[in-house]
Protein backbone atom coordinates (compact mmCIF):
# COMPACT_ATOMS: atom_id res chain seq x y z
CA MET A 1 -32.65 -2.51 -10.15
CA LYS A 2 -30.49 -5.51 -10.58
CA TYR A 3 -27.09 -3.45 -9.78
CA THR A 4 -28.86 -1.36 -7.15
CA GLY A 5 -29.54 -4.13 -5.19
CA ILE A 6 -26.03 -5.35 -5.49
CA VAL A 7 -24.67 -2.08 -4.40
CA ILE A 8 -26.74 -2.09 -1.31
CA PHE A 9 -25.68 -5.62 -0.78
CA PHE A 10 -22.24 -4.83 -0.53
CA ILE A 11 -22.55 -2.04 1.18
CA PHE A 12 -24.46 -4.13 4.09
CA GLN A 13 -21.05 -6.54 3.65
CA GLU A 14 -18.47 -4.06 3.90
CA PHE A 15 -20.24 -2.76 7.39
CA LEU A 16 -20.16 -6.45 8.43
CA TYR A 17 -16.27 -7.12 7.43
CA THR A 18 -15.52 -4.24 10.08
CA TYR A 19 -18.29 -3.94 12.53
CA LEU A 20 -16.78 -6.28 15.08
CA ALA A 21 -13.25 -5.01 15.41
CA TRP A 22 -14.70 -1.42 14.90
CA ARG A 23 -17.72 -1.63 17.64
CA THR A 24 -14.52 -2.59 20.06
CA GLY A 25 -12.94 0.98 19.87
CA TRP A 26 -9.75 -0.90 19.72
CA ILE A 27 -7.01 -0.85 16.53
CA TYR A 28 -5.04 -4.10 17.10
CA VAL A 29 -1.44 -5.24 17.11
CA GLY A 30 -0.70 -5.93 13.51
CA HIS A 31 2.46 -6.13 12.44
CA ASP A 32 2.65 -2.52 10.34
CA ARG A 33 0.59 -0.92 12.37
CA PRO A 34 3.02 1.68 13.98
CA PHE A 35 3.94 2.22 10.29
CA HIS A 36 1.20 3.30 8.67
CA LEU A 37 -0.63 4.98 11.60
CA GLU A 38 2.32 7.37 10.94
CA ARG A 39 1.88 7.81 7.25
CA LEU A 40 -1.76 8.22 7.93
CA GLU A 41 -0.80 10.85 10.29
CA GLU A 42 1.20 12.50 8.00
CA ALA A 43 -1.08 13.21 5.23
CA TYR A 44 -3.90 13.88 7.86
CA GLN A 45 -1.77 16.81 8.88
CA SER A 46 -0.38 17.97 5.78
CA VAL A 47 -3.92 17.99 4.20
CA ARG A 48 -5.32 19.88 7.37
CA HIS A 49 -2.86 22.67 6.96
CA GLY A 50 -3.87 23.61 3.18
CA HIS A 51 -2.17 21.04 0.99
CA PHE A 52 -3.54 19.03 -1.57
CA PHE A 53 -0.35 16.90 -2.01
CA VAL A 54 1.40 14.90 0.93
CA SER A 55 4.35 16.19 1.95
CA VAL A 56 7.33 14.86 0.42
CA ILE A 57 9.30 14.55 3.70
CA ASN A 58 8.30 13.82 6.89
CA THR A 59 7.61 16.63 9.44
CA TYR A 60 4.50 16.01 11.45
CA SER A 61 5.82 11.79 11.73
CA PHE A 62 8.07 9.65 11.97
CA GLY A 63 10.01 11.39 14.97
CA LYS A 64 9.27 14.70 12.93
CA ILE A 65 13.29 14.89 11.46
CA GLY A 66 12.66 15.40 7.78
CA GLN A 67 12.60 11.42 6.65
CA ALA A 68 12.01 11.23 3.27
CA ILE A 69 9.67 8.14 3.75
CA ASN A 70 6.86 9.75 1.39
CA ALA A 71 9.13 10.41 -1.15
CA TYR A 72 9.76 6.30 -1.74
CA TYR A 73 6.29 5.01 -0.53
CA PRO A 74 3.24 6.25 -2.52
CA TRP A 75 0.46 7.89 -0.56
CA GLY A 76 -1.92 7.54 -2.86
CA ASN A 77 -4.22 5.36 -0.73
CA LEU A 78 -4.08 8.20 2.35
CA LEU A 79 -5.96 10.69 0.91
CA PRO A 80 -9.50 8.79 1.47
CA TYR A 81 -8.49 8.48 5.03
CA VAL A 82 -8.12 12.27 5.28
CA ILE A 83 -11.38 13.04 3.86
CA ILE A 84 -13.01 10.46 6.01
CA ARG A 85 -10.72 12.24 9.00
CA ASN A 86 -11.66 15.43 8.24
CA PHE A 87 -15.52 14.33 9.20
CA LEU A 88 -15.28 11.63 11.85
CA VAL A 89 -12.41 13.33 13.81
CA ASN A 90 -11.92 10.62 16.27
CA PRO A 91 -9.17 8.92 14.20
CA VAL A 92 -9.93 5.39 15.88
CA ASN A 93 -13.99 5.17 13.55
CA SER A 94 -11.69 7.11 10.97
CA TYR A 95 -9.24 4.19 10.55
CA TYR A 96 -12.43 1.53 10.74
CA ALA A 97 -14.15 3.76 8.26
CA TYR A 98 -11.54 4.07 5.58
CA LEU A 99 -10.94 -0.02 6.23
CA THR A 100 -14.98 -0.11 4.98
CA LEU A 101 -14.33 1.90 2.19
CA GLU A 102 -11.72 -0.05 0.94
CA GLN A 103 -13.68 -2.96 0.96
CA PHE A 104 -16.29 -1.38 -0.59
CA LEU A 105 -14.38 -0.50 -3.34
CA GLY A 106 -12.66 -3.82 -3.45
CA LEU A 107 -15.87 -5.79 -3.28
CA ILE A 108 -17.32 -3.29 -6.52
CA ILE A 109 -14.15 -3.54 -8.56
CA ALA A 110 -13.56 -7.40 -8.11
CA PHE A 111 -17.62 -7.58 -9.16
CA TYR A 112 -17.32 -5.17 -12.11
CA CYS A 113 -14.31 -6.76 -13.85
CA SER A 114 -15.06 -10.27 -13.36
CA MET A 115 -19.19 -10.02 -14.83
CA LYS A 116 -17.68 -7.98 -17.33
CA ILE A 117 -14.66 -11.07 -18.44
CA LEU A 118 -16.92 -14.21 -17.06
CA ASN A 119 -20.26 -12.40 -18.94
CA SER A 120 -22.20 -13.08 -15.85
CA PHE A 121 -23.61 -11.39 -12.93
CA SER A 122 -23.78 -14.58 -10.64
CA LYS A 123 -20.51 -15.27 -11.46
CA GLY A 124 -19.21 -11.71 -11.25
CA LEU A 125 -21.16 -11.72 -7.45
CA LEU A 126 -19.25 -15.02 -6.56
CA PHE A 127 -15.77 -13.66 -7.56
CA ALA A 128 -16.31 -10.69 -6.00
CA ILE A 129 -17.34 -12.46 -2.48
CA ILE A 130 -14.34 -14.77 -2.66
CA LEU A 131 -11.65 -12.40 -3.47
CA ARG A 132 -12.62 -10.36 -1.16
CA PHE A 133 -13.53 -11.77 2.03
CA SER A 134 -10.72 -14.50 1.65
CA THR A 135 -8.07 -14.77 4.60
CA ILE A 136 -5.68 -13.50 2.26
CA VAL A 137 -7.36 -10.08 2.50
CA MET A 138 -8.28 -10.12 5.94
CA PHE A 139 -4.42 -11.06 6.44
CA ASN A 140 -3.39 -7.91 5.43
CA ASP A 141 -6.00 -5.77 6.69
CA TYR A 142 -5.81 -7.31 10.34
CA THR A 143 -3.24 -8.86 10.79
CA ARG A 144 -0.69 -7.10 9.33
CA VAL A 145 -2.48 -3.67 8.85
CA ASP A 146 -0.20 -2.99 5.74
CA ILE A 147 -2.62 -0.39 4.24
CA GLY A 148 -0.46 -0.23 1.24
CA GLU A 149 -0.64 -3.66 0.08
CA SER A 150 -4.57 -4.08 1.16
CA TRP A 151 -5.34 -1.16 -1.38
CA ALA A 152 -2.95 -1.52 -3.97
CA PHE A 153 -4.49 -5.44 -4.22
CA VAL A 154 -8.16 -3.37 -4.22
CA PHE A 155 -6.88 -2.01 -8.22
CA VAL A 156 -5.59 -5.71 -9.24
CA PRO A 157 -9.04 -6.93 -11.28
CA ILE A 158 -8.91 -3.80 -13.12
CA ALA A 159 -5.42 -4.38 -14.97
CA PHE A 160 -6.05 -8.18 -15.07
CA TYR A 161 -9.67 -7.20 -16.96
CA GLY A 162 -7.82 -4.64 -18.99
CA LEU A 163 -5.20 -7.30 -19.95
CA TYR A 164 -8.13 -10.04 -20.83
CA SER A 165 -9.59 -7.69 -22.99
CA LEU A 166 -6.18 -7.11 -25.05
CA LEU A 167 -5.56 -10.71 -25.20
CA VAL A 168 -8.57 -12.90 -24.97
CA CYS A 169 -11.28 -10.41 -26.27
CA ARG A 170 -8.98 -8.08 -28.21
CA LYS A 171 -11.01 -4.79 -26.90
CA TYR A 172 -7.68 -2.58 -27.38
CA LYS A 173 -8.99 0.15 -26.80
CA LYS A 174 -10.69 -0.76 -23.28
CA GLY A 175 -8.01 -3.23 -22.83
CA VAL A 176 -5.21 -0.15 -23.05
CA LEU A 177 -7.32 2.43 -20.37
CA ASN A 178 -7.71 -0.52 -18.25
CA LEU A 179 -4.58 -1.87 -17.91
CA SER A 180 -3.14 1.31 -17.61
CA ILE A 181 -5.20 2.71 -15.01
CA GLY A 182 -5.28 -0.43 -12.92
CA LEU A 183 -1.18 -0.77 -12.87
CA SER A 184 -1.54 3.54 -11.82
CA LEU A 185 -3.59 2.83 -8.82
CA GLU A 186 -1.85 0.21 -7.96
CA LEU A 187 1.39 2.46 -7.88
CA TYR A 188 -0.18 4.96 -5.99
CA CYS A 189 -0.42 2.79 -3.30
CA HIS A 190 2.46 0.36 -3.30
CA VAL A 191 5.38 0.27 -5.66
CA MET A 192 6.10 -3.97 -5.05
CA VAL A 193 2.21 -4.69 -5.80
CA SER A 194 2.58 -2.79 -8.74
CA PHE A 195 5.53 -4.43 -9.87
CA LEU A 196 4.25 -8.21 -9.49
CA THR A 197 1.52 -7.49 -11.00
CA ALA A 198 3.60 -6.49 -14.24
CA ILE A 199 5.80 -9.40 -14.03
CA ILE A 200 3.30 -12.04 -13.48
CA PHE A 201 1.48 -9.82 -16.36
CA PHE A 202 4.53 -10.67 -18.44
CA ILE A 203 3.97 -15.07 -17.59
CA LEU A 204 0.75 -14.54 -18.79
CA LEU A 205 1.34 -12.87 -21.88
CA ILE A 206 4.12 -15.40 -22.38
CA VAL A 207 1.90 -18.06 -21.49
CA TRP A 208 -0.98 -16.51 -23.99
CA LEU A 209 2.37 -16.40 -27.22
CA VAL A 210 3.22 -20.23 -27.07
CA SER A 211 -0.62 -21.42 -25.96
CA TYR A 212 -2.62 -19.29 -28.84
CA LYS A 213 0.05 -19.01 -31.24
CA PRO A 214 -1.63 -15.76 -32.08
CA ASN A 215 -1.10 -14.18 -36.35
CA LYS A 216 1.19 -11.52 -36.97
CA ARG A 217 -1.86 -8.77 -38.18
CA ILE A 218 -2.93 -9.83 -34.08
CA LEU A 219 0.66 -9.58 -32.75
CA THR A 220 1.31 -6.14 -33.89
CA LYS A 221 -1.81 -4.83 -32.68
CA VAL A 222 -1.20 -6.01 -28.78
CA PHE A 223 2.21 -4.80 -28.91
CA LYS A 224 1.38 -1.18 -30.13
CA SER A 225 -1.65 -1.72 -27.18
CA LEU A 226 1.09 -2.99 -24.54
CA VAL A 227 3.43 0.11 -25.70
CA LEU A 228 0.86 2.33 -25.49
CA SER A 229 -0.41 1.27 -22.00
CA ILE A 230 3.36 1.92 -20.91
CA PHE A 231 3.19 5.06 -21.94
CA ILE A 232 0.04 6.23 -20.48
CA PHE A 233 1.18 4.43 -17.22
CA VAL A 234 3.92 6.52 -17.24
CA LEU A 235 2.25 9.47 -17.47
CA ASN A 236 -0.18 8.81 -14.95
CA THR A 237 2.62 8.06 -12.24
CA LEU A 238 5.25 10.47 -12.60
CA VAL A 239 3.81 12.48 -9.21
CA VAL A 240 5.16 8.91 -7.90
CA THR A 241 8.15 7.65 -9.52
CA MET A 242 9.87 11.10 -10.35
CA PRO A 243 10.60 11.58 -6.76
CA ILE A 244 11.66 7.85 -6.37
CA VAL A 245 14.27 8.18 -9.15
CA SER A 246 15.33 11.78 -8.27
CA PHE A 247 15.22 12.84 -4.64
CA GLY A 248 18.01 11.33 -3.29
CA SER A 249 19.96 11.52 -6.29
CA GLY A 250 23.97 11.50 -5.67
CA ILE A 251 23.38 11.00 -1.93
CA THR A 252 23.95 6.84 -0.71
CA LEU A 253 20.62 5.86 1.20
CA LYS A 254 19.25 3.20 3.24
CA PHE A 255 16.97 1.04 1.50
CA PRO A 256 14.64 -1.64 3.45
CA ASP A 257 16.00 -4.31 5.00
CA LYS A 258 16.55 -7.54 2.46
CA GLU A 259 17.63 -9.77 5.65
CA PHE A 260 13.90 -10.39 5.96
CA PHE A 261 14.07 -12.33 2.34
CA ALA A 262 16.24 -15.17 3.98
CA THR A 263 14.34 -15.12 7.92
CA ARG A 264 10.57 -14.60 7.16
CA GLN A 265 9.69 -17.07 4.09
CA ILE A 266 6.89 -19.14 5.22
CA SER A 267 6.93 -22.94 5.25
CA PHE A 268 4.05 -24.79 3.07
CA GLY A 269 3.14 -26.82 5.96
CA ASP A 270 2.44 -23.99 8.22
CA SER A 271 0.41 -22.15 5.66
CA VAL A 272 -1.91 -25.41 4.73
CA THR A 273 -2.59 -25.50 8.76
CA ALA A 274 -3.38 -22.23 9.10
CA ALA A 275 -6.06 -22.57 5.84
CA PHE A 276 -7.73 -25.39 6.95
CA ASN A 277 -8.25 -23.34 10.13
CA ASN A 278 -9.23 -20.38 8.46
CA ASN A 279 -6.50 -18.49 10.58
CA ILE A 280 -5.48 -15.18 10.06
CA LEU A 281 -3.18 -14.63 13.17
CA SER A 282 -0.41 -17.19 11.91
CA VAL A 283 0.65 -16.33 8.22
CA ILE A 284 -1.17 -15.99 4.93
CA ASN A 285 -3.11 -18.52 3.65
CA ILE A 286 -5.55 -19.15 1.07
CA GLY A 287 -8.35 -20.89 3.90
CA VAL A 288 -10.44 -23.44 4.02
CA ILE A 289 -12.03 -21.52 0.80
CA GLY A 290 -8.94 -21.81 -0.76
CA ILE A 291 -9.01 -25.36 -0.22
CA VAL A 292 -12.11 -26.31 -1.46
CA LEU A 293 -11.45 -24.29 -4.82
CA LEU A 294 -8.15 -26.29 -5.37
CA ILE A 295 -9.63 -29.72 -4.94
CA PHE A 296 -12.37 -28.71 -7.20
CA CYS A 297 -10.10 -27.67 -9.72
CA ILE A 298 -7.27 -29.95 -9.58
CA ALA A 299 -10.69 -32.91 -9.25
CA ASN A 300 -12.04 -31.36 -12.49
CA TYR A 301 -9.02 -30.28 -14.65
CA HIS A 302 -9.38 -32.39 -17.42
CA LYS A 303 -12.08 -30.98 -18.30
CA PHE A 304 -11.34 -26.96 -17.98
CA THR A 305 -10.86 -24.66 -21.39
CA LYS A 306 -7.53 -23.93 -22.08
CA LEU A 307 -7.56 -20.58 -20.58
CA SER A 308 -8.58 -21.90 -17.43
CA LYS A 309 -6.08 -24.32 -17.43
CA SER A 310 -3.33 -21.69 -18.35
CA LEU A 311 -4.68 -19.88 -14.97
CA PHE A 312 -4.83 -22.61 -12.76
CA LEU A 313 -1.28 -23.81 -13.44
CA ILE A 314 0.31 -20.68 -13.07
CA GLY A 315 -1.36 -20.04 -10.05
CA PHE A 316 -1.33 -22.98 -8.22
CA ILE A 317 2.51 -23.03 -9.12
CA LEU A 318 2.75 -19.41 -8.19
CA MET A 319 0.85 -20.46 -4.65
CA LEU A 320 3.93 -22.98 -4.34
CA PHE A 321 6.55 -20.33 -4.67
CA SER A 322 4.96 -18.74 -2.44
CA THR A 323 6.05 -20.80 0.53
CA LYS A 324 9.60 -22.33 1.27
CA LEU A 325 9.23 -24.92 -1.16
CA PHE A 326 10.77 -23.16 -3.73
CA PRO A 327 14.54 -21.97 -2.76
CA TRP A 328 14.47 -18.36 -2.01
CA CYS A 329 17.57 -18.57 0.41
CA LEU A 330 19.58 -18.81 -3.20
CA LEU A 331 18.43 -15.69 -4.14
CA ARG A 332 18.95 -13.72 -1.26
CA THR A 333 22.06 -11.97 -2.39
CA THR A 334 20.29 -11.31 -5.73
CA ILE A 335 18.06 -8.62 -6.59
CA VAL A 336 15.29 -10.67 -6.69
CA SER A 337 15.05 -10.23 -2.52
CA SER A 338 13.78 -6.83 -2.81
CA ILE A 339 10.24 -8.17 -2.95
CA GLN A 340 11.31 -9.21 0.72
CA PHE A 341 8.60 -11.84 0.97
CA GLY A 342 8.37 -14.62 -1.08
CA TRP A 343 4.35 -14.93 -0.28
CA ARG A 344 3.87 -11.73 -2.09
CA LEU A 345 2.81 -14.09 -4.78
CA MET A 346 0.28 -15.71 -2.99
CA PRO A 347 -2.53 -12.90 -3.24
CA PHE A 348 -2.46 -13.32 -7.63
CA ALA A 349 -2.25 -17.31 -7.22
CA PHE A 350 -5.48 -16.78 -5.19
CA LEU A 351 -6.86 -14.96 -7.67
CA LEU A 352 -5.99 -16.95 -10.83
CA LEU A 353 -7.46 -19.99 -8.68
CA ILE A 354 -10.54 -17.83 -7.94
CA PHE A 355 -11.01 -17.35 -11.34
CA SER A 356 -9.93 -21.03 -13.21
CA PHE A 357 -13.14 -21.89 -10.82
CA ILE A 358 -15.94 -19.49 -11.48
CA ASN A 359 -14.71 -19.91 -15.40
CA GLU A 360 -15.67 -23.51 -14.68
CA VAL A 361 -18.64 -23.70 -12.13
CA ASP A 362 -22.29 -23.09 -13.27
CA SER A 363 -23.84 -20.89 -10.63
CA SER A 364 -27.17 -19.18 -10.31
CA VAL A 365 -27.79 -16.24 -8.23
CA PHE A 366 -29.48 -17.93 -5.62
CA GLU A 367 -26.74 -20.59 -5.26
CA SER A 368 -23.59 -17.70 -5.76
CA ILE A 369 -25.67 -15.64 -2.83
CA LEU A 370 -25.81 -19.41 -1.19
CA ILE A 371 -21.97 -19.74 -1.60
CA SER A 372 -21.40 -16.00 -0.55
CA SER A 373 -23.23 -16.66 2.75
CA VAL A 374 -20.87 -19.58 3.77
CA VAL A 375 -17.92 -17.11 2.66
CA ILE A 376 -19.03 -14.36 4.51
CA ILE A 377 -19.71 -16.54 8.12
CA LEU A 378 -16.24 -18.11 7.96
CA THR A 379 -14.85 -14.81 7.50
CA LEU A 380 -17.01 -13.32 10.84
CA GLY A 381 -15.36 -16.74 12.54
CA SER A 382 -11.85 -15.39 11.37
CA VAL A 383 -12.17 -12.06 12.64
CA ILE A 384 -13.53 -13.28 16.11
CA ASN A 385 -11.24 -15.39 16.35
CA PHE A 386 -8.45 -12.38 15.52
CA ILE A 387 -10.34 -10.12 17.97
CA ASN A 388 -9.89 -12.90 20.82
CA GLY A 389 -6.04 -13.40 20.05
CA GLN A 390 -5.48 -10.02 20.86
CA ASN A 391 -6.52 -10.69 24.84
CA ASN A 392 -2.23 -11.74 24.38
CA TYR A 393 -2.04 -7.86 24.26
CA SER A 394 -2.59 -5.47 26.74
CA ASN A 395 -5.04 -2.31 26.42
CA ASN A 396 -3.16 -1.01 29.03
CA VAL A 397 -3.46 2.73 29.08
CA GLU A 398 -0.70 3.69 31.10
CA LYS A 399 1.80 2.74 27.65
CA PRO A 400 0.99 4.82 25.38
CA PHE A 401 4.01 5.13 24.07
CA ASP A 402 4.78 1.76 23.08
CA ALA A 403 3.44 1.46 18.97
CA TYR A 404 4.07 -1.80 18.71
CA SER A 405 2.69 -3.88 21.83
CA TYR A 406 -0.73 -2.41 22.50
CA ASN A 407 -4.08 -1.76 21.19
CA LEU A 408 -5.15 1.12 20.79
CA ASN A 409 -7.73 3.37 21.61
CA TYR A 410 -9.01 7.02 20.98
CA LYS A 411 -6.45 8.63 23.91
CA THR A 412 -3.73 5.83 23.15
CA TYR A 413 -4.01 6.43 19.48
CA LYS A 414 -2.88 10.15 19.49
CA GLN A 415 0.05 9.34 22.58
CA SER A 416 1.31 6.32 20.20
CA LEU A 417 1.83 9.11 17.39
CA SER A 418 5.44 10.48 17.06
CA ASN A 419 3.76 13.91 16.04
CA ASN A 420 2.25 14.50 19.61
CA HIS A 421 5.65 13.55 21.51
CA VAL A 422 9.12 14.28 21.42
CA VAL A 423 10.38 10.35 20.63
CA ARG A 424 9.48 6.73 22.67
CA ASN A 425 8.41 5.35 19.43
CA SER A 426 10.47 2.57 16.97
CA PHE A 427 13.31 3.81 14.27
CA TYR A 428 12.62 4.04 10.75
CA LEU A 429 15.97 3.83 9.34
CA ASP A 430 14.73 3.17 5.90
CA TYR A 431 15.81 6.13 3.22
CA LEU A 432 17.76 7.81 5.76
CA PRO A 433 21.37 8.92 4.05
CA ILE A 434 24.02 6.25 5.10
CA THR A 435 25.69 8.60 6.60
CA SER A 436 23.30 9.73 9.01
CA LEU A 437 22.87 6.14 10.63
CA LYS A 438 25.74 6.75 12.90
CA ARG A 439 23.77 10.14 14.31
CA SER A 440 20.36 8.19 14.29
CA GLY A 441 20.24 7.67 17.58
CA PHE A 442 20.56 11.20 19.03
CA THR A 443 18.41 12.54 15.84
CA TYR A 444 15.48 10.52 16.65
CA ASN A 445 15.65 11.14 20.00
CA HIS A 446 16.10 14.57 19.61
CA ILE A 447 19.69 15.60 20.97
CA ALA A 448 21.05 18.43 19.58
CA ASN A 449 24.45 19.91 20.05
CA ILE A 450 24.02 23.44 21.43
CA ASN A 451 27.24 25.87 21.83
CA GLY A 452 29.50 22.28 21.53
CA ARG A 453 27.10 20.54 24.15
CA ARG A 454 24.44 17.91 24.14
CA LYS A 455 20.70 18.78 25.28
CA THR A 456 17.92 16.87 24.45
CA LEU A 457 15.05 19.26 22.67
CA GLU A 458 11.41 19.11 24.62
CA GLU A 459 8.05 19.23 22.93
CA LYS A 460 7.72 22.99 22.89
CA ASN A 461 11.14 23.62 21.04
CA ILE A 462 9.60 21.69 18.41
CA VAL A 463 6.92 23.21 15.78
CA PRO A 464 6.12 21.11 12.92
CA ILE A 465 4.91 22.68 9.36
CA TYR A 466 4.37 21.83 6.41
CA GLN A 467 7.50 19.95 4.41
CA GLY A 468 9.65 21.57 7.97
CA GLU A 469 10.32 22.30 11.25
CA LYS A 470 10.30 25.36 13.28
CA TYR A 471 12.72 24.96 16.68
CA ILE A 472 11.92 27.50 19.16
CA PHE A 473 14.40 28.81 21.82
CA ASP A 474 14.22 30.50 25.16
CA ASN A 475 15.85 33.35 26.13
CA LYS A 476 17.18 31.65 29.23
CA ASN A 477 20.42 30.16 27.81
CA ALA A 478 21.44 32.07 24.63
CA VAL A 479 22.63 29.80 21.69
CA TYR A 480 24.54 30.97 19.14
CA ARG A 481 25.81 27.40 17.72
CA ALA A 482 23.15 24.56 17.01
CA GLU A 483 23.42 20.90 15.32
CA LEU A 484 20.09 20.39 14.97
CA PRO A 485 17.94 17.25 14.83
CA PHE A 486 16.93 16.99 11.14
CA VAL A 487 18.03 15.23 8.16
CA ILE A 488 18.71 17.55 4.76
CA TYR A 489 19.19 15.33 1.69
CA ASN A 490 19.72 17.75 -1.01
CA PRO A 491 20.51 21.03 0.41
CA LYS A 492 19.31 23.40 -2.94
CA ASP A 493 15.80 22.19 -1.85
CA TYR A 494 15.68 23.67 1.45
CA LEU A 495 15.35 26.99 2.50
CA LEU A 496 16.65 28.00 6.39
CA LYS A 497 15.33 31.00 8.23
CA VAL A 498 17.05 32.29 11.31
CA ASN A 499 15.45 34.54 13.78
CA ASN A 500 12.88 35.14 10.77
CA LYS A 501 16.17 35.88 8.72
CA PHE A 502 17.38 33.72 5.20
CA GLN A 503 20.38 32.31 5.59
CA LYS A 504 22.45 29.67 3.47
CA LEU A 505 21.67 26.45 4.41
CA LYS A 506 24.93 24.43 6.15
CA ILE A 507 24.99 20.91 7.03
CA ASN A 508 27.26 18.61 9.24
CA LYS A 509 29.11 15.56 8.21
CA ASN A 510 25.65 13.52 9.30
CA ARG A 511 23.36 15.69 6.88
CA LEU A 512 21.87 17.25 9.83
CA LEU A 513 21.38 20.69 10.34
CA SER A 514 23.93 23.14 11.28
CA VAL A 515 23.41 26.77 11.89
CA SER A 516 25.19 29.66 13.81
CA SER A 517 24.78 33.11 14.31
CA LYS A 518 26.35 36.29 16.16
CA GLU A 519 23.01 37.38 17.69
CA PRO A 520 21.15 34.98 20.17
CA ILE A 521 19.26 32.33 18.16
CA GLN A 522 15.31 32.24 19.09
CA SER A 523 13.93 30.67 16.20
CA VAL A 524 15.26 28.40 12.86
CA GLU A 525 12.52 27.03 10.71
CA ILE A 526 13.73 24.90 8.27
CA ARG A 527 11.58 24.15 5.25
CA TYR A 528 11.65 21.74 2.21
CA LYS A 529 10.74 23.65 -0.96
CA THR A 530 9.26 21.11 -3.73
CA PRO A 531 11.37 21.34 -6.89
CA LYS A 532 9.68 22.44 -10.30
CA ASN A 533 10.00 18.96 -11.87
CA PHE A 534 7.97 17.48 -9.20
CA ILE A 535 5.43 20.03 -9.26
CA TYR A 536 5.60 19.34 -13.35
CA ALA A 537 4.88 15.53 -12.19
CA ARG A 538 2.17 16.01 -10.25
CA TYR A 539 -0.06 18.05 -12.84
CA ILE A 540 1.03 15.47 -15.87
CA SER A 541 -0.08 12.93 -13.79
CA LEU A 542 -3.43 14.13 -12.81
CA VAL A 543 -4.60 15.25 -16.25
CA SER A 544 -3.57 11.83 -17.91
CA LEU A 545 -5.31 10.05 -15.19
CA ILE A 546 -8.48 12.66 -15.46
CA ILE A 547 -8.60 11.88 -19.23
CA SER A 548 -7.80 8.02 -19.18
CA ILE A 549 -10.92 7.95 -16.88
CA LEU A 550 -13.20 9.76 -18.98
CA LEU A 551 -12.43 7.32 -21.72
CA ILE A 552 -13.35 4.39 -19.87
CA LEU A 553 -16.48 6.35 -18.60
CA TYR A 554 -17.42 7.59 -22.20
CA PRO A 555 -15.78 5.00 -24.45
CA GLY A 556 -17.79 5.69 -28.21
CA LYS A 557 -17.99 3.06 -30.25
CA VAL A 558 -15.95 -0.11 -29.38
CA THR A 559 -15.32 -2.78 -31.74
CA HIS A 560 -13.50 -6.13 -30.91
CA GLU A 561 -13.52 -10.03 -31.60
CA LYS A 562 -13.41 -12.47 -28.69
CA ILE A 563 -11.05 -15.74 -29.58
CA LYS A 564 -12.02 -18.85 -29.10
CA ILE A 565 -11.34 -19.57 -25.02
């Protein structure tokens, strides 16, 4: 009965989290909104046309030029949106329902994992509310509209529970499964979040080794468990890692811009100021509640257990390193710059800060609900301020093609997608072959070379299909030679039909599709053929993930020995 009540409570809270923005009928301007709305559309159209696995290349989105964004950006978290969209149809309602689902899963997972770790219902409730209604989560959900990082962070508590089970409780089977599944689900959503989780867990492992000095028997068990976790993780995530590793083999690609690393770090002062104002419009911050937790932890640090002290120190250092107090600029030419933003460490810092606080504070269910109510009221205030701040942007339906500067409703949402018009959207050069960059402007504007002359293709000339495009030409002007705005990566992975007849694939020096025929060309169909190793990887991951989840749900007899903390 108690758990039924908590589920009902979370259902109410999740709708409260999105209701204020949802009821306006607008999806507000966000840093990464155009990018992720395009990704959502690609997933929706892929499944809508009868395919469970999202297309490896983008043919319904990102200009319909065959760009391989999906090969390098995980799409597992897009599938829930597809299911919701098929029922609700309206993309704005679907988006907010999707955001609501994310918050519900985040609450349930954070509550369950923290309740198990802390062995307390009330502490689990408090942990879940403080974490999921934090300014950090709101910043990613509302200000950034980054559905990749938002969904990945939902699963971080599972991985943390797994590591805790291994190192502290010595529940090796449970630890192996939770750690591998948590990291796997993160990777299905966002590569960098999964990578940072692994790095931070490695730091926690080192601290554990130094602080607790486990004996050889324990070290052996932990080491074997970690090796097994890595093995399961590799199997679970082959569907994601296989394309990343091998899709562009032999081709030099343009990867995400590392200049962000030098120009978009945040100052400590700006983050603190935003925190005191509980402001999610400016920079990522820990909010008013985070400030209160920080003061409590500092004031009571001398009373903390060894575990709480260790986690707080690591969290506090990560929090400082999230800002310009750490000289990130010195690392701008190193591999570290791949993380792009140092403040990506702040969500992990905040999670460790919350755990340190809740592990030490005594609270009844009533007190947890009371504190949670204060947190939720502050959250509602932040969302209201966010919506009011969006008045700086127009709801002008006369500007449907500017996906950056305008709030989107049902009509303008559809019109802002590149699937519904030939161009007029900003270019995304990431993951294009370097040789294609010189022609990227022509490519995104769908300017083809027809019989030696440039011609802009119209919407009627381009028909997106799953993992491909179909180009249609009328009989008014005969076409014998054409260089089309479609990027080819590895030619052996594509099938080409000209006038419904298979033809040998040719590309120009910019890796764009080139076709010719002695007869007038009426149709060209280019389709990416998923390599067999990608298909095998999909089914290996699917089976591995299902088995792992079943072993968690039906664990059998589990023995453990908890160390003193």
